[in-house]
Amino acid sequence: MNSIFQPLGLQEIKMWTDLSNRTLENQKQFSAIYIGGGNTFSLLNAIRISRLDKALEEFIENEGVIYGGSAGAIILGSNIMACAHMDANNANLQNFEGLNHMVSQ
């Protein structure tokens, strides 16, 4: 992560591996949030289970910026099924709606 973001002028990078109990208060310290890759179904499931999706929605409503790479980008769209040919639905998700609904149109 450092090799990607430091050339862009970002000197301090914090990574969360535990998504539980994350709130808008936790996120206010950040100018932006980057959601990385992995299995798209598992990533979206983890975000939903931890209710991080609600905290991310508040972050956006407070003019926060969210970026995604690979699976992190896919979950920010309206539907995650673009990944179905690459990722196994190990999380047994039934709702394939992405987080796109969080953004005001």
PDB file of N, CA and C in Angstrom:
ATOM      1  N   MET A   1       0.814  -1.183   0.000  1.00  0.00           N
ATOM      2  CA  MET A   1       0.000   0.000   0.000  1.00  0.00           C
ATOM      3  C   MET A   1       0.868   1.260   0.000  1.00  0.00           C
ATOM      4  N   ASN A   2       1.905   1.226   0.790  1.00  0.00           N
ATOM      5  CA  ASN A   2       2.784   2.398   0.854  1.00  0.00           C
ATOM      6  C   ASN A   2       3.374   2.734  -0.511  1.00  0.00           C
ATOM      7  N   SER A   3       3.802   1.708  -1.255  1.00  0.00           N
ATOM      8  CA  SER A   3       4.422   1.974  -2.561  1.00  0.00           C
ATOM      9  C   SER A   3       3.430   2.565  -3.555  1.00  0.00           C
ATOM     10  N   ILE A   4       2.154   2.324  -3.353  1.00  0.00           N
ATOM     11  CA  ILE A   4       1.138   2.877  -4.240  1.00  0.00           C
ATOM     12  C   ILE A   4       0.787   4.305  -3.847  1.00  0.00           C
ATOM     13  N   PHE A   5       0.588   4.535  -2.563  1.00  0.00           N
ATOM     14  CA  PHE A   5       0.041   5.816  -2.123  1.00  0.00           C
ATOM     15  C   PHE A   5       1.082   6.876  -1.762  1.00  0.00           C
ATOM     16  N   GLN A   6       2.258   6.491  -1.315  1.00  0.00           N
ATOM     17  CA  GLN A   6       3.254   7.493  -0.946  1.00  0.00           C
ATOM     18  C   GLN A   6       3.701   8.369  -2.118  1.00  0.00           C
ATOM     19  N   PRO A   7       3.842   7.828  -3.329  1.00  0.00           N
ATOM     20  CA  PRO A   7       4.176   8.717  -4.451  1.00  0.00           C
ATOM     21  C   PRO A   7       3.086   9.757  -4.730  1.00  0.00           C
ATOM     22  N   LEU A   8       1.898   9.519  -4.246  1.00  0.00           N
ATOM     23  CA  LEU A   8       0.794  10.468  -4.418  1.00  0.00           C
ATOM     24  C   LEU A   8       0.756  11.504  -3.299  1.00  0.00           C
ATOM     25  N   GLY A   9       1.711  11.406  -2.372  1.00  0.00           N
ATOM     26  CA  GLY A   9       1.797  12.380  -1.294  1.00  0.00           C
ATOM     27  C   GLY A   9       1.138  11.943  -0.001  1.00  0.00           C
ATOM     28  N   LEU A  10       0.639  10.739   0.045  1.00  0.00           N
ATOM     29  CA  LEU A  10       0.018  10.247   1.278  1.00  0.00           C
ATOM     30  C   LEU A  10       1.091   9.626   2.156  1.00  0.00           C
ATOM     31  N   GLN A  11       1.342  10.237   3.281  1.00  0.00           N
ATOM     32  CA  GLN A  11       2.412   9.790   4.158  1.00  0.00           C
ATOM     33  C   GLN A  11       1.936   8.874   5.273  1.00  0.00           C
ATOM     34  N   GLU A  12       0.695   9.036   5.682  1.00  0.00           N
ATOM     35  CA  GLU A  12       0.192   8.215   6.785  1.00  0.00           C
ATOM     36  C   GLU A  12      -0.957   7.340   6.286  1.00  0.00           C
ATOM     37  N   ILE A  13      -0.745   6.043   6.363  1.00  0.00           N
ATOM     38  CA  ILE A  13      -1.737   5.085   5.902  1.00  0.00           C
ATOM     39  C   ILE A  13      -2.069   4.153   7.066  1.00  0.00           C
ATOM     40  N   LYS A  14      -3.341   4.010   7.357  1.00  0.00           N
ATOM     41  CA  LYS A  14      -3.786   3.078   8.397  1.00  0.00           C
ATOM     42  C   LYS A  14      -4.635   2.008   7.728  1.00  0.00           C
ATOM     43  N   MET A  15      -4.401   0.755   8.123  1.00  0.00           N
ATOM     44  CA  MET A  15      -5.150  -0.340   7.543  1.00  0.00           C
ATOM     45  C   MET A  15      -5.973  -1.034   8.620  1.00  0.00           C
ATOM     46  N   TRP A  16      -7.247  -1.238   8.317  1.00  0.00           N
ATOM     47  CA  TRP A  16      -8.129  -1.982   9.215  1.00  0.00           C
ATOM     48  C   TRP A  16      -8.300  -3.389   8.669  1.00  0.00           C
ATOM     49  N   THR A  17      -8.046  -4.368   9.493  1.00  0.00           N
ATOM     50  CA  THR A  17      -8.351  -5.750   9.130  1.00  0.00           C
ATOM     51  C   THR A  17      -9.568  -6.241   9.909  1.00  0.00           C
ATOM     52  N   ASP A  18      -9.883  -5.570  10.991  1.00  0.00           N
ATOM     53  CA  ASP A  18     -11.072  -5.872  11.779  1.00  0.00           C
ATOM     54  C   ASP A  18     -12.094  -4.774  11.521  1.00  0.00           C
ATOM     55  N   LEU A  19     -13.194  -5.124  10.900  1.00  0.00           N
ATOM     56  CA  LEU A  19     -14.197  -4.131  10.517  1.00  0.00           C
ATOM     57  C   LEU A  19     -15.271  -3.912  11.572  1.00  0.00           C
ATOM     58  N   SER A  20     -15.283  -4.740  12.593  1.00  0.00           N
ATOM     59  CA  SER A  20     -16.351  -4.650  13.584  1.00  0.00           C
ATOM     60  C   SER A  20     -16.262  -3.371  14.406  1.00  0.00           C
ATOM     61  N   ASN A  21     -17.410  -2.871  14.759  1.00  0.00           N
ATOM     62  CA  ASN A  21     -17.545  -1.685  15.618  1.00  0.00           C
ATOM     63  C   ASN A  21     -16.907  -0.429  15.031  1.00  0.00           C
ATOM     64  N   ARG A  22     -16.864  -0.324  13.723  1.00  0.00           N
ATOM     65  CA  ARG A  22     -16.339   0.874  13.069  1.00  0.00           C
ATOM     66  C   ARG A  22     -17.503   1.841  12.859  1.00  0.00           C
ATOM     67  N   THR A  23     -17.291   3.086  13.200  1.00  0.00           N
ATOM     68  CA  THR A  23     -18.341   4.097  13.115  1.00  0.00           C
ATOM     69  C   THR A  23     -17.819   5.310  12.353  1.00  0.00           C
ATOM     70  N   LEU A  24     -18.719   6.254  12.138  1.00  0.00           N
ATOM     71  CA  LEU A  24     -18.301   7.505  11.517  1.00  0.00           C
ATOM     72  C   LEU A  24     -17.221   8.170  12.352  1.00  0.00           C
ATOM     73  N   GLU A  25     -17.322   8.084  13.664  1.00  0.00           N
ATOM     74  CA  GLU A  25     -16.297   8.688  14.541  1.00  0.00           C
ATOM     75  C   GLU A  25     -14.920   8.113  14.247  1.00  0.00           C
ATOM     76  N   ASN A  26     -14.841   6.790  13.999  1.00  0.00           N
ATOM     77  CA  ASN A  26     -13.563   6.166  13.655  1.00  0.00           C
ATOM     78  C   ASN A  26     -13.020   6.687  12.335  1.00  0.00           C
ATOM     79  N   GLN A  27     -13.928   7.030  11.426  1.00  0.00           N
ATOM     80  CA  GLN A  27     -13.546   7.405  10.071  1.00  0.00           C
ATOM     81  C   GLN A  27     -13.231   8.892   9.920  1.00  0.00           C
ATOM     82  N   LYS A  28     -13.658   9.713  10.855  1.00  0.00           N
ATOM     83  CA  LYS A  28     -13.452  11.162  10.729  1.00  0.00           C
ATOM     84  C   LYS A  28     -11.984  11.556  10.652  1.00  0.00           C
ATOM     85  N   GLN A  29     -11.104  10.696  11.125  1.00  0.00           N
ATOM     86  CA  GLN A  29      -9.676  10.999  11.083  1.00  0.00           C
ATOM     87  C   GLN A  29      -9.097  10.883   9.671  1.00  0.00           C
ATOM     88  N   PHE A  30      -9.861  10.324   8.744  1.00  0.00           N
ATOM     89  CA  PHE A  30      -9.358  10.049   7.405  1.00  0.00           C
ATOM     90  C   PHE A  30      -9.889  11.047   6.382  1.00  0.00           C
ATOM     91  N   SER A  31      -9.062  11.399   5.420  1.00  0.00           N
ATOM     92  CA  SER A  31      -9.519  12.235   4.309  1.00  0.00           C
ATOM     93  C   SER A  31     -10.154  11.384   3.225  1.00  0.00           C
ATOM     94  N   ALA A  32      -9.792  10.108   3.191  1.00  0.00           N
ATOM     95  CA  ALA A  32     -10.359   9.184   2.212  1.00  0.00           C
ATOM     96  C   ALA A  32     -10.233   7.764   2.751  1.00  0.00           C
ATOM     97  N   ILE A  33     -11.055   6.887   2.201  1.00  0.00           N
ATOM     98  CA  ILE A  33     -11.019   5.463   2.557  1.00  0.00           C
ATOM     99  C   ILE A  33     -10.815   4.674   1.271  1.00  0.00           C
ATOM    100  N   TYR A  34      -9.891   3.737   1.316  1.00  0.00           N
ATOM    101  CA  TYR A  34      -9.626   2.849   0.183  1.00  0.00           C
ATOM    102  C   TYR A  34     -10.054   1.445   0.584  1.00  0.00           C
ATOM    103  N   ILE A  35     -10.868   0.814  -0.241  1.00  0.00           N
ATOM    104  CA  ILE A  35     -11.299  -0.568  -0.005  1.00  0.00           C
ATOM    105  C   ILE A  35     -10.603  -1.436  -1.037  1.00  0.00           C
ATOM    106  N   GLY A  36      -9.791  -2.366  -0.545  1.00  0.00           N
ATOM    107  CA  GLY A  36      -8.978  -3.200  -1.421  1.00  0.00           C
ATOM    108  C   GLY A  36      -9.721  -4.391  -1.998  1.00  0.00           C
ATOM    109  N   GLY A  37      -8.968  -5.321  -2.518  1.00  0.00           N
ATOM    110  CA  GLY A  37      -9.525  -6.450  -3.242  1.00  0.00           C
ATOM    111  C   GLY A  37      -9.689  -7.706  -2.416  1.00  0.00           C
ATOM    112  N   GLY A  38      -9.801  -8.796  -3.125  1.00  0.00           N
ATOM    113  CA  GLY A  38     -10.073 -10.097  -2.526  1.00  0.00           C
ATOM    114  C   GLY A  38     -11.292 -10.706  -3.178  1.00  0.00           C
ATOM    115  N   ASN A  39     -11.925 -11.620  -2.488  1.00  0.00           N
ATOM    116  CA  ASN A  39     -13.155 -12.211  -2.995  1.00  0.00           C
ATOM    117  C   ASN A  39     -14.293 -11.211  -2.805  1.00  0.00           C
ATOM    118  N   THR A  40     -14.938 -10.830  -3.874  1.00  0.00           N
ATOM    119  CA  THR A  40     -15.963  -9.786  -3.843  1.00  0.00           C
ATOM    120  C   THR A  40     -17.125 -10.168  -2.941  1.00  0.00           C
ATOM    121  N   PHE A  41     -17.584 -11.403  -3.038  1.00  0.00           N
ATOM    122  CA  PHE A  41     -18.715 -11.852  -2.221  1.00  0.00           C
ATOM    123  C   PHE A  41     -18.361 -11.807  -0.736  1.00  0.00           C
ATOM    124  N   SER A  42     -17.179 -12.304  -0.414  1.00  0.00           N
ATOM    125  CA  SER A  42     -16.738 -12.314   0.991  1.00  0.00           C
ATOM    126  C   SER A  42     -16.544 -10.900   1.526  1.00  0.00           C
ATOM    127  N   LEU A  43     -15.978 -10.015   0.705  1.00  0.00           N
ATOM    128  CA  LEU A  43     -15.750  -8.640   1.121  1.00  0.00           C
ATOM    129  C   LEU A  43     -17.071  -7.930   1.411  1.00  0.00           C
ATOM    130  N   LEU A  44     -18.030  -8.035   0.486  1.00  0.00           N
ATOM    131  CA  LEU A  44     -19.323  -7.386   0.696  1.00  0.00           C
ATOM    132  C   LEU A  44     -20.032  -7.977   1.906  1.00  0.00           C
ATOM    133  N   ASN A  45     -19.941  -9.275   2.066  1.00  0.00           N
ATOM    134  CA  ASN A  45     -20.563  -9.931   3.221  1.00  0.00           C
ATOM    135  C   ASN A  45     -19.953  -9.421   4.529  1.00  0.00           C
ATOM    136  N   ALA A  46     -18.632  -9.324   4.585  1.00  0.00           N
ATOM    137  CA  ALA A  46     -17.962  -8.831   5.800  1.00  0.00           C
ATOM    138  C   ALA A  46     -18.368  -7.393   6.108  1.00  0.00           C
ATOM    139  N   ILE A  47     -18.485  -6.590   5.081  1.00  0.00           N
ATOM    140  CA  ILE A  47     -18.892  -5.196   5.275  1.00  0.00           C
ATOM    141  C   ILE A  47     -20.320  -5.123   5.786  1.00  0.00           C
ATOM    142  N   ARG A  48     -21.183  -5.953   5.238  1.00  0.00           N
ATOM    143  CA  ARG A  48     -22.581  -5.949   5.700  1.00  0.00           C
ATOM    144  C   ARG A  48     -22.712  -6.476   7.130  1.00  0.00           C
ATOM    145  N   ILE A  49     -22.055  -7.598   7.420  1.00  0.00           N
ATOM    146  CA  ILE A  49     -22.149  -8.210   8.756  1.00  0.00           C
ATOM    147  C   ILE A  49     -21.640  -7.256   9.830  1.00  0.00           C
ATOM    148  N   SER A  50     -20.554  -6.567   9.542  1.00  0.00           N
ATOM    149  CA  SER A  50     -19.962  -5.644  10.522  1.00  0.00           C
ATOM    150  C   SER A  50     -20.722  -4.317  10.586  1.00  0.00           C
ATOM    151  N   ARG A  51     -21.643  -4.135   9.670  1.00  0.00           N
ATOM    152  CA  ARG A  51     -22.429  -2.895   9.534  1.00  0.00           C
ATOM    153  C   ARG A  51     -21.545  -1.709   9.141  1.00  0.00           C
ATOM    154  N   LEU A  52     -20.384  -2.014   8.592  1.00  0.00           N
ATOM    155  CA  LEU A  52     -19.509  -0.967   8.090  1.00  0.00           C
ATOM    156  C   LEU A  52     -20.183  -0.224   6.941  1.00  0.00           C
ATOM    157  N   ASP A  53     -21.084  -0.896   6.228  1.00  0.00           N
ATOM    158  CA  ASP A  53     -21.793  -0.220   5.139  1.00  0.00           C
ATOM    159  C   ASP A  53     -22.541   1.006   5.645  1.00  0.00           C
ATOM    160  N   LYS A  54     -23.106   0.928   6.825  1.00  0.00           N
ATOM    161  CA  LYS A  54     -23.822   2.070   7.415  1.00  0.00           C
ATOM    162  C   LYS A  54     -22.847   3.197   7.765  1.00  0.00           C
ATOM    163  N   ALA A  55     -21.692   2.834   8.314  1.00  0.00           N
ATOM    164  CA  ALA A  55     -20.678   3.842   8.657  1.00  0.00           C
ATOM    165  C   ALA A  55     -20.110   4.486   7.392  1.00  0.00           C
ATOM    166  N   LEU A  56     -19.944   3.695   6.330  1.00  0.00           N
ATOM    167  CA  LEU A  56     -19.458   4.246   5.066  1.00  0.00           C
ATOM    168  C   LEU A  56     -20.481   5.206   4.467  1.00  0.00           C
ATOM    169  N   GLU A  57     -21.741   4.865   4.591  1.00  0.00           N
ATOM    170  CA  GLU A  57     -22.802   5.749   4.103  1.00  0.00           C
ATOM    171  C   GLU A  57     -22.745   7.101   4.826  1.00  0.00           C
ATOM    172  N   GLU A  58     -22.558   7.069   6.136  1.00  0.00           N
ATOM    173  CA  GLU A  58     -22.430   8.310   6.904  1.00  0.00           C
ATOM    174  C   GLU A  58     -21.184   9.083   6.482  1.00  0.00           C
ATOM    175  N   PHE A  59     -20.099   8.370   6.216  1.00  0.00           N
ATOM    176  CA  PHE A  59     -18.852   8.994   5.785  1.00  0.00           C
ATOM    177  C   PHE A  59     -19.076   9.767   4.486  1.00  0.00           C
ATOM    178  N   ILE A  60     -19.781   9.143   3.542  1.00  0.00           N
ATOM    179  CA  ILE A  60     -20.082   9.792   2.266  1.00  0.00           C
ATOM    180  C   ILE A  60     -20.987  11.002   2.477  1.00  0.00           C
ATOM    181  N   GLU A  61     -21.997  10.846   3.327  1.00  0.00           N
ATOM    182  CA  GLU A  61     -22.919  11.953   3.600  1.00  0.00           C
ATOM    183  C   GLU A  61     -22.204  13.150   4.220  1.00  0.00           C
ATOM    184  N   ASN A  62     -21.072  12.888   4.876  1.00  0.00           N
ATOM    185  CA  ASN A  62     -20.262  13.943   5.482  1.00  0.00           C
ATOM    186  C   ASN A  62     -19.096  14.335   4.576  1.00  0.00           C
ATOM    187  N   GLU A  63     -19.290  14.140   3.283  1.00  0.00           N
ATOM    188  CA  GLU A  63     -18.344  14.527   2.240  1.00  0.00           C
ATOM    189  C   GLU A  63     -17.040  13.747   2.254  1.00  0.00           C
ATOM    190  N   GLY A  64     -17.069  12.535   2.799  1.00  0.00           N
ATOM    191  CA  GLY A  64     -15.904  11.667   2.737  1.00  0.00           C
ATOM    192  C   GLY A  64     -15.757  11.075   1.345  1.00  0.00           C
ATOM    193  N   VAL A  65     -14.548  10.657   1.018  1.00  0.00           N
ATOM    194  CA  VAL A  65     -14.244  10.085  -0.290  1.00  0.00           C
ATOM    195  C   VAL A  65     -13.879   8.624  -0.093  1.00  0.00           C
ATOM    196  N   ILE A  66     -14.462   7.752  -0.927  1.00  0.00           N
ATOM    197  CA  ILE A  66     -14.164   6.321  -0.864  1.00  0.00           C
ATOM    198  C   ILE A  66     -13.682   5.862  -2.230  1.00  0.00           C
ATOM    199  N   TYR A  67     -12.566   5.149  -2.238  1.00  0.00           N
ATOM    200  CA  TYR A  67     -11.998   4.561  -3.442  1.00  0.00           C
ATOM    201  C   TYR A  67     -12.012   3.050  -3.287  1.00  0.00           C
ATOM    202  N   GLY A  68     -12.042   2.345  -4.401  1.00  0.00           N
ATOM    203  CA  GLY A  68     -11.952   0.899  -4.349  1.00  0.00           C
ATOM    204  C   GLY A  68     -11.045   0.371  -5.433  1.00  0.00           C
ATOM    205  N   GLY A  69     -10.394  -0.738  -5.129  1.00  0.00           N
ATOM    206  CA  GLY A  69      -9.565  -1.426  -6.106  1.00  0.00           C
ATOM    207  C   GLY A  69     -10.017  -2.864  -6.222  1.00  0.00           C
ATOM    208  N   SER A  70     -10.195  -3.342  -7.433  1.00  0.00           N
ATOM    209  CA  SER A  70     -10.604  -4.716  -7.687  1.00  0.00           C
ATOM    210  C   SER A  70     -11.947  -4.988  -7.000  1.00  0.00           C
ATOM    211  N   ALA A  71     -12.004  -5.939  -6.069  1.00  0.00           N
ATOM    212  CA  ALA A  71     -13.270  -6.237  -5.383  1.00  0.00           C
ATOM    213  C   ALA A  71     -13.805  -5.015  -4.656  1.00  0.00           C
ATOM    214  N   GLY A  72     -12.917  -4.189  -4.146  1.00  0.00           N
ATOM    215  CA  GLY A  72     -13.336  -2.966  -3.465  1.00  0.00           C
ATOM    216  C   GLY A  72     -14.040  -2.004  -4.400  1.00  0.00           C
ATOM    217  N   ALA A  73     -13.643  -1.988  -5.664  1.00  0.00           N
ATOM    218  CA  ALA A  73     -14.317  -1.150  -6.661  1.00  0.00           C
ATOM    219  C   ALA A  73     -15.650  -1.775  -7.062  1.00  0.00           C
ATOM    220  N   ILE A  74     -15.675  -3.079  -7.215  1.00  0.00           N
ATOM    221  CA  ILE A  74     -16.904  -3.758  -7.631  1.00  0.00           C
ATOM    222  C   ILE A  74     -18.013  -3.555  -6.608  1.00  0.00           C
ATOM    223  N   ILE A  75     -17.697  -3.655  -5.323  1.00  0.00           N
ATOM    224  CA  ILE A  75     -18.752  -3.515  -4.313  1.00  0.00           C
ATOM    225  C   ILE A  75     -19.315  -2.101  -4.250  1.00  0.00           C
ATOM    226  N   LEU A  76     -18.587  -1.120  -4.796  1.00  0.00           N
ATOM    227  CA  LEU A  76     -19.083   0.253  -4.809  1.00  0.00           C
ATOM    228  C   LEU A  76     -20.093   0.493  -5.930  1.00  0.00           C
ATOM    229  N   GLY A  77     -20.244  -0.481  -6.835  1.00  0.00           N
ATOM    230  CA  GLY A  77     -21.203  -0.361  -7.924  1.00  0.00           C
ATOM    231  C   GLY A  77     -22.605  -0.749  -7.496  1.00  0.00           C
ATOM    232  N   SER A  78     -23.504  -0.819  -8.455  1.00  0.00           N
ATOM    233  CA  SER A  78     -24.901  -1.129  -8.153  1.00  0.00           C
ATOM    234  C   SER A  78     -25.133  -2.627  -7.971  1.00  0.00           C
ATOM    235  N   ASN A  79     -24.298  -3.448  -8.590  1.00  0.00           N
ATOM    236  CA  ASN A  79     -24.482  -4.897  -8.527  1.00  0.00           C
ATOM    237  C   ASN A  79     -23.107  -5.539  -8.651  1.00  0.00           C
ATOM    238  N   ILE A  80     -22.857  -6.570  -7.855  1.00  0.00           N
ATOM    239  CA  ILE A  80     -21.517  -7.168  -7.827  1.00  0.00           C
ATOM    240  C   ILE A  80     -21.348  -8.354  -8.771  1.00  0.00           C
ATOM    241  N   MET A  81     -22.364  -8.702  -9.531  1.00  0.00           N
ATOM    242  CA  MET A  81     -22.288  -9.920 -10.332  1.00  0.00           C
ATOM    243  C   MET A  81     -21.276  -9.851 -11.476  1.00  0.00           C
ATOM    244  N   ALA A  82     -20.668  -8.717 -11.719  1.00  0.00           N
ATOM    245  CA  ALA A  82     -19.598  -8.632 -12.715  1.00  0.00           C
ATOM    246  C   ALA A  82     -18.430  -9.535 -12.332  1.00  0.00           C
ATOM    247  N   CYS A  83     -18.349  -9.910 -11.060  1.00  0.00           N
ATOM    248  CA  CYS A  83     -17.232 -10.732 -10.582  1.00  0.00           C
ATOM    249  C   CYS A  83     -17.567 -12.225 -10.580  1.00  0.00           C
ATOM    250  N   ALA A  84     -18.787 -12.590 -10.921  1.00  0.00           N
ATOM    251  CA  ALA A  84     -19.232 -13.980 -10.763  1.00  0.00           C
ATOM    252  C   ALA A  84     -18.389 -14.979 -11.547  1.00  0.00           C
ATOM    253  N   HIS A  85     -17.801 -14.571 -12.631  1.00  0.00           N
ATOM    254  CA  HIS A  85     -16.967 -15.486 -13.420  1.00  0.00           C
ATOM    255  C   HIS A  85     -15.577 -15.690 -12.807  1.00  0.00           C
ATOM    256  N   MET A  86     -15.220 -14.836 -11.816  1.00  0.00           N
ATOM    257  CA  MET A  86     -13.891 -14.930 -11.204  1.00  0.00           C
ATOM    258  C   MET A  86     -13.930 -15.360  -9.745  1.00  0.00           C
ATOM    259  N   ASP A  87     -14.956 -14.930  -9.020  1.00  0.00           N
ATOM    260  CA  ASP A  87     -15.026 -15.169  -7.580  1.00  0.00           C
ATOM    261  C   ASP A  87     -16.113 -16.181  -7.243  1.00  0.00           C
ATOM    262  N   ALA A  88     -15.789 -17.092  -6.340  1.00  0.00           N
ATOM    263  CA  ALA A  88     -16.796 -18.038  -5.847  1.00  0.00           C
ATOM    264  C   ALA A  88     -17.621 -17.349  -4.766  1.00  0.00           C
ATOM    265  N   ASN A  89     -18.900 -17.636  -4.749  1.00  0.00           N
ATOM    266  CA  ASN A  89     -19.792 -17.055  -3.738  1.00  0.00           C
ATOM    267  C   ASN A  89     -19.677 -17.871  -2.456  1.00  0.00           C
ATOM    268  N   ASN A  90     -18.504 -17.844  -1.840  1.00  0.00           N
ATOM    269  CA  ASN A  90     -18.240 -18.597  -0.609  1.00  0.00           C
ATOM    270  C   ASN A  90     -19.087 -18.105   0.559  1.00  0.00           C
ATOM    271  N   ALA A  91     -19.555 -16.869   0.489  1.00  0.00           N
ATOM    272  CA  ALA A  91     -20.349 -16.280   1.570  1.00  0.00           C
ATOM    273  C   ALA A  91     -21.835 -16.604   1.419  1.00  0.00           C
ATOM    274  N   ASN A  92     -22.173 -17.275   0.314  1.00  0.00           N
ATOM    275  CA  ASN A  92     -23.572 -17.629   0.023  1.00  0.00           C
ATOM    276  C   ASN A  92     -24.485 -16.405   0.031  1.00  0.00           C
ATOM    277  N   LEU A  93     -24.014 -15.306  -0.520  1.00  0.00           N
ATOM    278  CA  LEU A  93     -24.826 -14.093  -0.618  1.00  0.00           C
ATOM    279  C   LEU A  93     -26.033 -14.349  -1.507  1.00  0.00           C
ATOM    280  N   GLN A  94     -27.152 -13.800  -1.127  1.00  0.00           N
ATOM    281  CA  GLN A  94     -28.362 -13.858  -1.937  1.00  0.00           C
ATOM    282  C   GLN A  94     -28.677 -12.471  -2.510  1.00  0.00           C
ATOM    283  N   ASN A  95     -28.170 -11.429  -1.847  1.00  0.00           N
ATOM    284  CA  ASN A  95     -28.395 -10.059  -2.270  1.00  0.00           C
ATOM    285  C   ASN A  95     -27.110  -9.559  -2.926  1.00  0.00           C
ATOM    286  N   PHE A  96     -27.165  -9.330  -4.217  1.00  0.00           N
ATOM    287  CA  PHE A  96     -25.988  -8.936  -4.979  1.00  0.00           C
ATOM    288  C   PHE A  96     -25.926  -7.435  -5.215  1.00  0.00           C
ATOM    289  N   GLU A  97     -26.767  -6.686  -4.522  1.00  0.00           N
ATOM    290  CA  GLU A  97     -26.743  -5.234  -4.635  1.00  0.00           C
ATOM    291  C   GLU A  97     -25.471  -4.703  -4.019  1.00  0.00           C
ATOM    292  N   GLY A  98     -24.774  -3.856  -4.760  1.00  0.00           N
ATOM    293  CA  GLY A  98     -23.563  -3.244  -4.253  1.00  0.00           C
ATOM    294  C   GLY A  98     -23.896  -2.056  -3.360  1.00  0.00           C
ATOM    295  N   LEU A  99     -22.890  -1.323  -2.981  1.00  0.00           N
ATOM    296  CA  LEU A  99     -23.055  -0.180  -2.092  1.00  0.00           C
ATOM    297  C   LEU A  99     -23.426   1.101  -2.836  1.00  0.00           C
ATOM    298  N   ASN A 100     -23.592   1.023  -4.138  1.00  0.00           N
ATOM    299  CA  ASN A 100     -23.961   2.177  -4.960  1.00  0.00           C
ATOM    300  C   ASN A 100     -25.155   2.939  -4.421  1.00  0.00           C
ATOM    301  N   HIS A 101     -26.085   2.257  -3.806  1.00  0.00           N
ATOM    302  CA  HIS A 101     -27.295   2.896  -3.293  1.00  0.00           C
ATOM    303  C   HIS A 101     -26.996   3.939  -2.223  1.00  0.00           C
ATOM    304  N   MET A 102     -25.767   3.926  -1.689  1.00  0.00           N
ATOM    305  CA  MET A 102     -25.403   4.876  -0.641  1.00  0.00           C
ATOM    306  C   MET A 102     -25.203   6.282  -1.189  1.00  0.00           C
ATOM    307  N   VAL A 103     -24.869   6.382  -2.443  1.00  0.00           N
ATOM    308  CA  VAL A 103     -24.505   7.659  -3.019  1.00  0.00           C
ATOM    309  C   VAL A 103     -25.748   8.360  -3.547  1.00  0.00           C
ATOM    310  N   SER A 104     -25.936   9.602  -3.153  1.00  0.00           N
ATOM    311  CA  SER A 104     -27.069  10.391  -3.650  1.00  0.00           C
ATOM    312  C   SER A 104     -26.899  10.625  -5.135  1.00  0.00           C
ATOM    313  N   GLN A 105     -27.964  10.506  -5.862  1.00  0.00           N
ATOM    314  CA  GLN A 105     -27.942  10.713  -7.323  1.00  0.00           C
ATOM    315  C   GLN A 105     -28.261  12.146  -7.647  1.00  0.00           C
TER     316      GLN A 105
END
